[in-house]
Amino acid sequence: TTIADFSAKTPNETDWYYLKGTITKIDNTEYGNLTIE
């Protein structure tokens, strides 16, 4: 799923999506908070 299409989804805890992108920033190495594009 493209990031643009993912951003248009309705938030919920049941639907899972595959995303692929380049890691541009890693904010937290313990929990793995990061940004992809």
PDB file of all heavy atoms in Angstrom:
ATOM      1  N   THR A   1       0.859  -1.185   0.000  1.00  0.00           N
ATOM      2  CA  THR A   1       0.000   0.000   0.000  1.00  0.00           C
ATOM      3  C   THR A   1       0.894   1.233   0.000  1.00  0.00           C
ATOM      4  O   THR A   1       1.823   1.327   0.800  1.00  0.00           O
ATOM      5  CB  THR A   1      -0.907   0.030   1.252  1.00  0.00           C
ATOM      6  OG1 THR A   1      -1.730  -1.135   1.263  1.00  0.00           O
ATOM      7  CG2 THR A   1      -1.791   1.267   1.258  1.00  0.00           C
ATOM      8  N   THR A   2       0.650   2.159  -0.913  1.00  0.00           N
ATOM      9  CA  THR A   2       1.461   3.382  -0.915  1.00  0.00           C
ATOM     10  C   THR A   2       1.184   4.179   0.345  1.00  0.00           C
ATOM     11  O   THR A   2       0.111   4.062   0.959  1.00  0.00           O
ATOM     12  CB  THR A   2       1.158   4.259  -2.144  1.00  0.00           C
ATOM     13  OG1 THR A   2      -0.186   4.764  -2.036  1.00  0.00           O
ATOM     14  CG2 THR A   2       1.322   3.470  -3.434  1.00  0.00           C
ATOM     15  N   ILE A   3       2.123   5.005   0.736  1.00  0.00           N
ATOM     16  CA  ILE A   3       1.952   5.814   1.947  1.00  0.00           C
ATOM     17  C   ILE A   3       0.795   6.795   1.784  1.00  0.00           C
ATOM     18  O   ILE A   3       0.042   7.054   2.726  1.00  0.00           O
ATOM     19  CB  ILE A   3       3.261   6.535   2.291  1.00  0.00           C
ATOM     20  CG1 ILE A   3       4.293   5.505   2.783  1.00  0.00           C
ATOM     21  CG2 ILE A   3       3.050   7.624   3.335  1.00  0.00           C
ATOM     22  CD1 ILE A   3       5.659   6.067   3.069  1.00  0.00           C
ATOM     23  N   ALA A   4       0.617   7.332   0.578  1.00  0.00           N
ATOM     24  CA  ALA A   4      -0.507   8.243   0.350  1.00  0.00           C
ATOM     25  C   ALA A   4      -1.841   7.533   0.561  1.00  0.00           C
ATOM     26  O   ALA A   4      -2.754   8.066   1.204  1.00  0.00           O
ATOM     27  CB  ALA A   4      -0.432   8.832  -1.056  1.00  0.00           C
ATOM     28  N   ASP A   5      -1.971   6.303   0.029  1.00  0.00           N
ATOM     29  CA  ASP A   5      -3.208   5.547   0.204  1.00  0.00           C
ATOM     30  C   ASP A   5      -3.397   5.136   1.668  1.00  0.00           C
ATOM     31  O   ASP A   5      -4.518   5.149   2.196  1.00  0.00           O
ATOM     32  CB  ASP A   5      -3.209   4.300  -0.685  1.00  0.00           C
ATOM     33  CG  ASP A   5      -3.388   4.634  -2.155  1.00  0.00           C
ATOM     34  OD1 ASP A   5      -3.830   5.759  -2.453  1.00  0.00           O
ATOM     35  OD2 ASP A   5      -3.072   3.771  -3.001  1.00  0.00           O
ATOM     36  N   PHE A   6      -2.295   4.772   2.324  1.00  0.00           N
ATOM     37  CA  PHE A   6      -2.376   4.392   3.742  1.00  0.00           C
ATOM     38  C   PHE A   6      -2.855   5.568   4.591  1.00  0.00           C
ATOM     39  O   PHE A   6      -3.666   5.395   5.502  1.00  0.00           O
ATOM     40  CB  PHE A   6      -0.998   3.918   4.218  1.00  0.00           C
ATOM     41  CG  PHE A   6      -0.954   3.537   5.672  1.00  0.00           C
ATOM     42  CD1 PHE A   6      -1.381   2.287   6.088  1.00  0.00           C
ATOM     43  CD2 PHE A   6      -0.479   4.428   6.629  1.00  0.00           C
ATOM     44  CE1 PHE A   6      -1.345   1.928   7.432  1.00  0.00           C
ATOM     45  CE2 PHE A   6      -0.436   4.089   7.962  1.00  0.00           C
ATOM     46  CZ  PHE A   6      -0.866   2.828   8.370  1.00  0.00           C
ATOM     47  N   SER A   7      -2.366   6.765   4.278  1.00  0.00           N
ATOM     48  CA  SER A   7      -2.740   7.952   5.045  1.00  0.00           C
ATOM     49  C   SER A   7      -4.214   8.299   4.891  1.00  0.00           C
ATOM     50  O   SER A   7      -4.759   9.067   5.693  1.00  0.00           O
ATOM     51  CB  SER A   7      -1.880   9.148   4.623  1.00  0.00           C
ATOM     52  OG  SER A   7      -0.508   8.889   4.874  1.00  0.00           O
ATOM     53  N   ALA A   8      -4.852   7.761   3.866  1.00  0.00           N
ATOM     54  CA  ALA A   8      -6.271   8.020   3.645  1.00  0.00           C
ATOM     55  C   ALA A   8      -7.165   6.965   4.306  1.00  0.00           C
ATOM     56  O   ALA A   8      -8.399   7.100   4.285  1.00  0.00           O
ATOM     57  CB  ALA A   8      -6.563   8.073   2.143  1.00  0.00           C
ATOM     58  N   LYS A   9      -6.564   5.936   4.910  1.00  0.00           N
ATOM     59  CA  LYS A   9      -7.344   4.880   5.555  1.00  0.00           C
ATOM     60  C   LYS A   9      -7.975   5.370   6.863  1.00  0.00           C
ATOM     61  O   LYS A   9      -7.497   6.317   7.488  1.00  0.00           O
ATOM     62  CB  LYS A   9      -6.462   3.664   5.845  1.00  0.00           C
ATOM     63  CG  LYS A   9      -5.780   3.049   4.625  1.00  0.00           C
ATOM     64  CD  LYS A   9      -6.783   2.455   3.655  1.00  0.00           C
ATOM     65  CE  LYS A   9      -6.062   1.781   2.491  1.00  0.00           C
ATOM     66  NZ  LYS A   9      -7.007   1.231   1.486  1.00  0.00           N
ATOM     67  N   THR A  10      -9.048   4.701   7.256  1.00  0.00           N
ATOM     68  CA  THR A  10      -9.695   4.989   8.541  1.00  0.00           C
ATOM     69  C   THR A  10      -8.984   4.207   9.645  1.00  0.00           C
ATOM     70  O   THR A  10      -8.855   2.977   9.535  1.00  0.00           O
ATOM     71  CB  THR A  10     -11.177   4.593   8.504  1.00  0.00           C
ATOM     72  OG1 THR A  10     -11.828   5.329   7.458  1.00  0.00           O
ATOM     73  CG2 THR A  10     -11.856   4.899   9.831  1.00  0.00           C
ATOM     74  N   PRO A  11      -8.498   4.870  10.704  1.00  0.00           N
ATOM     75  CA  PRO A  11      -7.774   4.157  11.759  1.00  0.00           C
ATOM     76  C   PRO A  11      -8.626   3.070  12.415  1.00  0.00           C
ATOM     77  O   PRO A  11      -9.795   3.295  12.738  1.00  0.00           O
ATOM     78  CB  PRO A  11      -7.443   5.268  12.767  1.00  0.00           C
ATOM     79  CG  PRO A  11      -7.443   6.527  11.950  1.00  0.00           C
ATOM     80  CD  PRO A  11      -8.520   6.321  10.932  1.00  0.00           C
ATOM     81  N   ASN A  12      -8.037   1.900  12.573  1.00  0.00           N
ATOM     82  CA  ASN A  12      -8.680   0.804  13.328  1.00  0.00           C
ATOM     83  C   ASN A  12      -7.617  -0.205  13.702  1.00  0.00           C
ATOM     84  O   ASN A  12      -6.484  -0.132  13.223  1.00  0.00           O
ATOM     85  CB  ASN A  12      -9.807   0.156  12.521  1.00  0.00           C
ATOM     86  CG  ASN A  12      -9.321  -0.570  11.279  1.00  0.00           C
ATOM     87  OD1 ASN A  12      -8.811  -1.678  11.359  1.00  0.00           O
ATOM     88  ND2 ASN A  12      -9.469   0.079  10.115  1.00  0.00           N
ATOM     89  N   GLU A  13      -7.961  -1.170  14.541  1.00  0.00           N
ATOM     90  CA  GLU A  13      -6.986  -2.135  15.054  1.00  0.00           C
ATOM     91  C   GLU A  13      -7.116  -3.516  14.418  1.00  0.00           C
ATOM     92  O   GLU A  13      -6.514  -4.473  14.896  1.00  0.00           O
ATOM     93  CB  GLU A  13      -7.120  -2.252  16.577  1.00  0.00           C
ATOM     94  CG  GLU A  13      -6.773  -0.978  17.321  1.00  0.00           C
ATOM     95  CD  GLU A  13      -6.798  -1.151  18.829  1.00  0.00           C
ATOM     96  OE1 GLU A  13      -7.253  -2.235  19.296  1.00  0.00           O
ATOM     97  OE2 GLU A  13      -6.355  -0.232  19.545  1.00  0.00           O
ATOM     98  N   THR A  14      -7.884  -3.621  13.333  1.00  0.00           N
ATOM     99  CA  THR A  14      -8.099  -4.932  12.719  1.00  0.00           C
ATOM    100  C   THR A  14      -7.495  -5.065  11.330  1.00  0.00           C
ATOM    101  O   THR A  14      -7.139  -6.170  10.914  1.00  0.00           O
ATOM    102  CB  THR A  14      -9.603  -5.241  12.648  1.00  0.00           C
ATOM    103  OG1 THR A  14     -10.262  -4.195  11.905  1.00  0.00           O
ATOM    104  CG2 THR A  14     -10.208  -5.316  14.044  1.00  0.00           C
ATOM    105  N   ASP A  15      -7.392  -3.969  10.593  1.00  0.00           N
ATOM    106  CA  ASP A  15      -6.869  -4.034   9.224  1.00  0.00           C
ATOM    107  C   ASP A  15      -5.358  -3.787   9.211  1.00  0.00           C
ATOM    108  O   ASP A  15      -4.892  -2.798   9.770  1.00  0.00           O
ATOM    109  CB  ASP A  15      -7.561  -3.002   8.336  1.00  0.00           C
ATOM    110  CG  ASP A  15      -9.050  -3.263   8.186  1.00  0.00           C
ATOM    111  OD1 ASP A  15      -9.446  -4.446   8.248  1.00  0.00           O
ATOM    112  OD2 ASP A  15      -9.814  -2.291   8.037  1.00  0.00           O
ATOM    113  N   TRP A  16      -4.633  -4.684   8.559  1.00  0.00           N
ATOM    114  CA  TRP A  16      -3.177  -4.576   8.480  1.00  0.00           C
ATOM    115  C   TRP A  16      -2.765  -4.275   7.045  1.00  0.00           C
ATOM    116  O   TRP A  16      -3.364  -4.783   6.092  1.00  0.00           O
ATOM    117  CB  TRP A  16      -2.509  -5.879   8.932  1.00  0.00           C
ATOM    118  CG  TRP A  16      -2.686  -6.136  10.401  1.00  0.00           C
ATOM    119  CD1 TRP A  16      -3.810  -6.587  11.031  1.00  0.00           C
ATOM    120  CD2 TRP A  16      -1.700  -5.964  11.412  1.00  0.00           C
ATOM    121  NE1 TRP A  16      -3.588  -6.692  12.381  1.00  0.00           N
ATOM    122  CE2 TRP A  16      -2.302  -6.319  12.651  1.00  0.00           C
ATOM    123  CE3 TRP A  16      -0.376  -5.541  11.409  1.00  0.00           C
ATOM    124  CZ2 TRP A  16      -1.620  -6.264  13.856  1.00  0.00           C
ATOM    125  CZ3 TRP A  16       0.315  -5.502  12.613  1.00  0.00           C
ATOM    126  CH2 TRP A  16      -0.304  -5.847  13.818  1.00  0.00           C
ATOM    127  N   TYR A  17      -1.719  -3.447   6.891  1.00  0.00           N
ATOM    128  CA  TYR A  17      -1.264  -3.023   5.576  1.00  0.00           C
ATOM    129  C   TYR A  17       0.255  -3.182   5.475  1.00  0.00           C
ATOM    130  O   TYR A  17       0.981  -2.909   6.442  1.00  0.00           O
ATOM    131  CB  TYR A  17      -1.632  -1.557   5.321  1.00  0.00           C
ATOM    132  CG  TYR A  17      -3.101  -1.259   5.463  1.00  0.00           C
ATOM    133  CD1 TYR A  17      -3.621  -0.822   6.682  1.00  0.00           C
ATOM    134  CD2 TYR A  17      -3.964  -1.410   4.382  1.00  0.00           C
ATOM    135  CE1 TYR A  17      -4.972  -0.551   6.819  1.00  0.00           C
ATOM    136  CE2 TYR A  17      -5.318  -1.126   4.512  1.00  0.00           C
ATOM    137  CZ  TYR A  17      -5.821  -0.700   5.734  1.00  0.00           C
ATOM    138  OH  TYR A  17      -7.153  -0.424   5.877  1.00  0.00           O
ATOM    139  N   TYR A  18       0.712  -3.601   4.279  1.00  0.00           N
ATOM    140  CA  TYR A  18       2.144  -3.671   4.018  1.00  0.00           C
ATOM    141  C   TYR A  18       2.599  -2.344   3.420  1.00  0.00           C
ATOM    142  O   TYR A  18       2.003  -1.833   2.475  1.00  0.00           O
ATOM    143  CB  TYR A  18       2.467  -4.814   3.055  1.00  0.00           C
ATOM    144  CG  TYR A  18       2.266  -6.183   3.653  1.00  0.00           C
ATOM    145  CD1 TYR A  18       1.131  -6.937   3.348  1.00  0.00           C
ATOM    146  CD2 TYR A  18       3.201  -6.717   4.535  1.00  0.00           C
ATOM    147  CE1 TYR A  18       0.930  -8.192   3.903  1.00  0.00           C
ATOM    148  CE2 TYR A  18       3.016  -7.978   5.094  1.00  0.00           C
ATOM    149  CZ  TYR A  18       1.882  -8.702   4.785  1.00  0.00           C
ATOM    150  OH  TYR A  18       1.691  -9.942   5.345  1.00  0.00           O
ATOM    151  N   LEU A  19       3.651  -1.774   3.987  1.00  0.00           N
ATOM    152  CA  LEU A  19       4.224  -0.519   3.519  1.00  0.00           C
ATOM    153  C   LEU A  19       5.696  -0.742   3.181  1.00  0.00           C
ATOM    154  O   LEU A  19       6.380  -1.525   3.849  1.00  0.00           O
ATOM    155  CB  LEU A  19       4.116   0.570   4.593  1.00  0.00           C
ATOM    156  CG  LEU A  19       2.717   0.877   5.142  1.00  0.00           C
ATOM    157  CD1 LEU A  19       2.820   1.870   6.296  1.00  0.00           C
ATOM    158  CD2 LEU A  19       1.820   1.421   4.056  1.00  0.00           C
ATOM    159  N   LYS A  20       6.152  -0.045   2.152  1.00  0.00           N
ATOM    160  CA  LYS A  20       7.561  -0.131   1.771  1.00  0.00           C
ATOM    161  C   LYS A  20       8.094   1.273   1.545  1.00  0.00           C
ATOM    162  O   LYS A  20       7.469   2.078   0.848  1.00  0.00           O
ATOM    163  CB  LYS A  20       7.733  -0.954   0.498  1.00  0.00           C
ATOM    164  CG  LYS A  20       9.184  -1.111   0.040  1.00  0.00           C
ATOM    165  CD  LYS A  20       9.266  -1.927  -1.231  1.00  0.00           C
ATOM    166  CE  LYS A  20      10.708  -2.088  -1.701  1.00  0.00           C
ATOM    167  NZ  LYS A  20      10.799  -2.870  -2.960  1.00  0.00           N
ATOM    168  N   GLY A  21       9.215   1.583   2.168  1.00  0.00           N
ATOM    169  CA  GLY A  21       9.780   2.909   1.995  1.00  0.00           C
ATOM    170  C   GLY A  21      11.189   3.011   2.551  1.00  0.00           C
ATOM    171  O   GLY A  21      11.697   2.090   3.200  1.00  0.00           O
ATOM    172  N   THR A  22      11.802   4.139   2.298  1.00  0.00           N
ATOM    173  CA  THR A  22      13.150   4.410   2.786  1.00  0.00           C
ATOM    174  C   THR A  22      13.088   5.004   4.179  1.00  0.00           C
ATOM    175  O   THR A  22      12.289   5.914   4.435  1.00  0.00           O
ATOM    176  CB  THR A  22      13.866   5.400   1.847  1.00  0.00           C
ATOM    177  OG1 THR A  22      13.885   4.862   0.532  1.00  0.00           O
ATOM    178  CG2 THR A  22      15.291   5.656   2.312  1.00  0.00           C
ATOM    179  N   ILE A  23      13.902   4.510   5.078  1.00  0.00           N
ATOM    180  CA  ILE A  23      13.960   5.074   6.429  1.00  0.00           C
ATOM    181  C   ILE A  23      14.691   6.409   6.358  1.00  0.00           C
ATOM    182  O   ILE A  23      15.858   6.472   5.966  1.00  0.00           O
ATOM    183  CB  ILE A  23      14.691   4.127   7.399  1.00  0.00           C
ATOM    184  CG1 ILE A  23      13.959   2.784   7.493  1.00  0.00           C
ATOM    185  CG2 ILE A  23      14.802   4.761   8.793  1.00  0.00           C
ATOM    186  CD1 ILE A  23      14.669   1.753   8.352  1.00  0.00           C
ATOM    187  N   THR A  24      13.994   7.485   6.717  1.00  0.00           N
ATOM    188  CA  THR A  24      14.604   8.814   6.676  1.00  0.00           C
ATOM    189  C   THR A  24      14.989   9.321   8.058  1.00  0.00           C
ATOM    190  O   THR A  24      15.777  10.252   8.171  1.00  0.00           O
ATOM    191  CB  THR A  24      13.642   9.819   6.029  1.00  0.00           C
ATOM    192  OG1 THR A  24      12.415   9.864   6.778  1.00  0.00           O
ATOM    193  CG2 THR A  24      13.339   9.425   4.589  1.00  0.00           C
ATOM    194  N   LYS A  25      14.437   8.710   9.108  1.00  0.00           N
ATOM    195  CA  LYS A  25      14.729   9.176  10.462  1.00  0.00           C
ATOM    196  C   LYS A  25      14.399   8.082  11.463  1.00  0.00           C
ATOM    197  O   LYS A  25      13.393   7.395  11.320  1.00  0.00           O
ATOM    198  CB  LYS A  25      13.911  10.437  10.768  1.00  0.00           C
ATOM    199  CG  LYS A  25      14.276  11.133  12.068  1.00  0.00           C
ATOM    200  CD  LYS A  25      13.446  12.406  12.226  1.00  0.00           C
ATOM    201  CE  LYS A  25      13.831  13.147  13.495  1.00  0.00           C
ATOM    202  NZ  LYS A  25      12.997  14.377  13.680  1.00  0.00           N
ATOM    203  N   ILE A  26      15.259   7.888  12.448  1.00  0.00           N
ATOM    204  CA  ILE A  26      15.002   6.956  13.543  1.00  0.00           C
ATOM    205  C   ILE A  26      14.994   7.762  14.834  1.00  0.00           C
ATOM    206  O   ILE A  26      16.018   8.288  15.259  1.00  0.00           O
ATOM    207  CB  ILE A  26      16.057   5.838  13.612  1.00  0.00           C
ATOM    208  CG1 ILE A  26      16.024   5.001  12.322  1.00  0.00           C
ATOM    209  CG2 ILE A  26      15.813   4.942  14.827  1.00  0.00           C
ATOM    210  CD1 ILE A  26      17.076   3.908  12.260  1.00  0.00           C
ATOM    211  N   ASP A  27      13.813   7.888  15.460  1.00  0.00           N
ATOM    212  CA  ASP A  27      13.661   8.722  16.653  1.00  0.00           C
ATOM    213  C   ASP A  27      13.963   7.977  17.949  1.00  0.00           C
ATOM    214  O   ASP A  27      14.376   8.587  18.931  1.00  0.00           O
ATOM    215  CB  ASP A  27      12.231   9.285  16.729  1.00  0.00           C
ATOM    216  CG  ASP A  27      11.927  10.216  15.574  1.00  0.00           C
ATOM    217  OD1 ASP A  27      12.626  11.227  15.445  1.00  0.00           O
ATOM    218  OD2 ASP A  27      10.995   9.928  14.804  1.00  0.00           O
ATOM    219  N   ASN A  28      13.715   6.675  17.960  1.00  0.00           N
ATOM    220  CA  ASN A  28      13.889   5.908  19.190  1.00  0.00           C
ATOM    221  C   ASN A  28      14.340   4.502  18.832  1.00  0.00           C
ATOM    222  O   ASN A  28      13.630   3.772  18.140  1.00  0.00           O
ATOM    223  CB  ASN A  28      12.564   5.867  19.972  1.00  0.00           C
ATOM    224  CG  ASN A  28      12.702   5.190  21.323  1.00  0.00           C
ATOM    225  OD1 ASN A  28      12.967   4.000  21.402  1.00  0.00           O
ATOM    226  ND2 ASN A  28      12.520   5.956  22.385  1.00  0.00           N
ATOM    227  N   THR A  29      15.555   4.133  19.280  1.00  0.00           N
ATOM    228  CA  THR A  29      16.110   2.823  18.927  1.00  0.00           C
ATOM    229  C   THR A  29      15.664   1.719  19.870  1.00  0.00           C
ATOM    230  O   THR A  29      15.897   0.544  19.589  1.00  0.00           O
ATOM    231  CB  THR A  29      17.646   2.886  18.933  1.00  0.00           C
ATOM    232  OG1 THR A  29      18.098   3.347  20.214  1.00  0.00           O
ATOM    233  CG2 THR A  29      18.159   3.828  17.857  1.00  0.00           C
ATOM    234  N   GLU A  30      15.011   2.065  20.983  1.00  0.00           N
ATOM    235  CA  GLU A  30      14.515   1.040  21.909  1.00  0.00           C
ATOM    236  C   GLU A  30      13.178   0.482  21.419  1.00  0.00           C
ATOM    237  O   GLU A  30      12.982  -0.729  21.356  1.00  0.00           O
ATOM    238  CB  GLU A  30      14.356   1.625  23.311  1.00  0.00           C
ATOM    239  CG  GLU A  30      13.877   0.591  24.335  1.00  0.00           C
ATOM    240  CD  GLU A  30      13.763   1.157  25.737  1.00  0.00           C
ATOM    241  OE1 GLU A  30      13.835   2.400  25.887  1.00  0.00           O
ATOM    242  OE2 GLU A  30      13.596   0.369  26.687  1.00  0.00           O
ATOM    243  N   TYR A  31      12.274   1.383  21.070  1.00  0.00           N
ATOM    244  CA  TYR A  31      10.948   0.955  20.631  1.00  0.00           C
ATOM    245  C   TYR A  31      10.820   0.902  19.102  1.00  0.00           C
ATOM    246  O   TYR A  31       9.861   0.345  18.580  1.00  0.00           O
ATOM    247  CB  TYR A  31       9.878   1.889  21.187  1.00  0.00           C
ATOM    248  CG  TYR A  31       9.694   1.752  22.681  1.00  0.00           C
ATOM    249  CD1 TYR A  31      10.377   2.581  23.563  1.00  0.00           C
ATOM    250  CD2 TYR A  31       8.853   0.778  23.209  1.00  0.00           C
ATOM    251  CE1 TYR A  31      10.214   2.454  24.937  1.00  0.00           C
ATOM    252  CE2 TYR A  31       8.681   0.640  24.576  1.00  0.00           C
ATOM    253  CZ  TYR A  31       9.371   1.488  25.436  1.00  0.00           C
ATOM    254  OH  TYR A  31       9.205   1.352  26.793  1.00  0.00           O
ATOM    255  N   GLY A  32      11.769   1.504  18.387  1.00  0.00           N
ATOM    256  CA  GLY A  32      11.695   1.477  16.934  1.00  0.00           C
ATOM    257  C   GLY A  32      10.765   2.514  16.347  1.00  0.00           C
ATOM    258  O   GLY A  32      10.058   2.239  15.372  1.00  0.00           O
ATOM    259  N   ASN A  33      10.766   3.723  16.919  1.00  0.00           N
ATOM    260  CA  ASN A  33       9.983   4.819  16.343  1.00  0.00           C
ATOM    261  C   ASN A  33      10.801   5.455  15.224  1.00  0.00           C
ATOM    262  O   ASN A  33      11.936   5.879  15.444  1.00  0.00           O
ATOM    263  CB  ASN A  33       9.650   5.864  17.403  1.00  0.00           C
ATOM    264  CG  ASN A  33       8.811   5.294  18.532  1.00  0.00           C
ATOM    265  OD1 ASN A  33       8.152   4.271  18.368  1.00  0.00           O
ATOM    266  ND2 ASN A  33       8.842   5.938  19.672  1.00  0.00           N
ATOM    267  N   LEU A  34      10.225   5.536  14.027  1.00  0.00           N
ATOM    268  CA  LEU A  34      10.970   6.024  12.870  1.00  0.00           C
ATOM    269  C   LEU A  34      10.025   6.622  11.841  1.00  0.00           C
ATOM    270  O   LEU A  34       8.806   6.638  12.021  1.00  0.00           O
ATOM    271  CB  LEU A  34      11.795   4.883  12.264  1.00  0.00           C
ATOM    272  CG  LEU A  34      11.072   3.544  11.988  1.00  0.00           C
ATOM    273  CD1 LEU A  34      10.447   3.550  10.613  1.00  0.00           C
ATOM    274  CD2 LEU A  34      12.046   2.376  12.120  1.00  0.00           C
ATOM    275  N   THR A  35      10.616   7.124  10.756  1.00  0.00           N
ATOM    276  CA  THR A  35       9.847   7.674   9.647  1.00  0.00           C
ATOM    277  C   THR A  35      10.308   7.012   8.361  1.00  0.00           C
ATOM    278  O   THR A  35      11.509   6.834   8.139  1.00  0.00           O
ATOM    279  CB  THR A  35      10.049   9.202   9.533  1.00  0.00           C
ATOM    280  OG1 THR A  35       9.634   9.827  10.748  1.00  0.00           O
ATOM    281  CG2 THR A  35       9.229   9.771   8.389  1.00  0.00           C
ATOM    282  N   ILE A  36       9.343   6.621   7.528  1.00  0.00           N
ATOM    283  CA  ILE A  36       9.681   6.084   6.215  1.00  0.00           C
ATOM    284  C   ILE A  36       8.975   6.918   5.148  1.00  0.00           C
ATOM    285  O   ILE A  36       7.968   7.577   5.431  1.00  0.00           O
ATOM    286  CB  ILE A  36       9.286   4.598   6.060  1.00  0.00           C
ATOM    287  CG1 ILE A  36       7.759   4.423   6.147  1.00  0.00           C
ATOM    288  CG2 ILE A  36       9.985   3.735   7.090  1.00  0.00           C
ATOM    289  CD1 ILE A  36       7.297   3.034   5.762  1.00  0.00           C
ATOM    290  N   GLU A  37       9.502   6.885   3.938  1.00  0.00           N
ATOM    291  CA  GLU A  37       8.855   7.600   2.851  1.00  0.00           C
ATOM    292  C   GLU A  37       8.997   6.834   1.548  1.00  0.00           C
ATOM    293  O   GLU A  37       9.965   6.104   1.343  1.00  0.00           O
ATOM    294  CB  GLU A  37       9.421   9.012   2.695  1.00  0.00           C
ATOM    295  CG  GLU A  37      10.867   9.079   2.282  1.00  0.00           C
ATOM    296  CD  GLU A  37      11.339  10.518   2.071  1.00  0.00           C
ATOM    297  OE1 GLU A  37      10.829  11.431   2.736  1.00  0.00           O
ATOM    298  OE2 GLU A  37      12.242  10.701   1.239  1.00  0.00           O
TER     299      GLU A  37
END
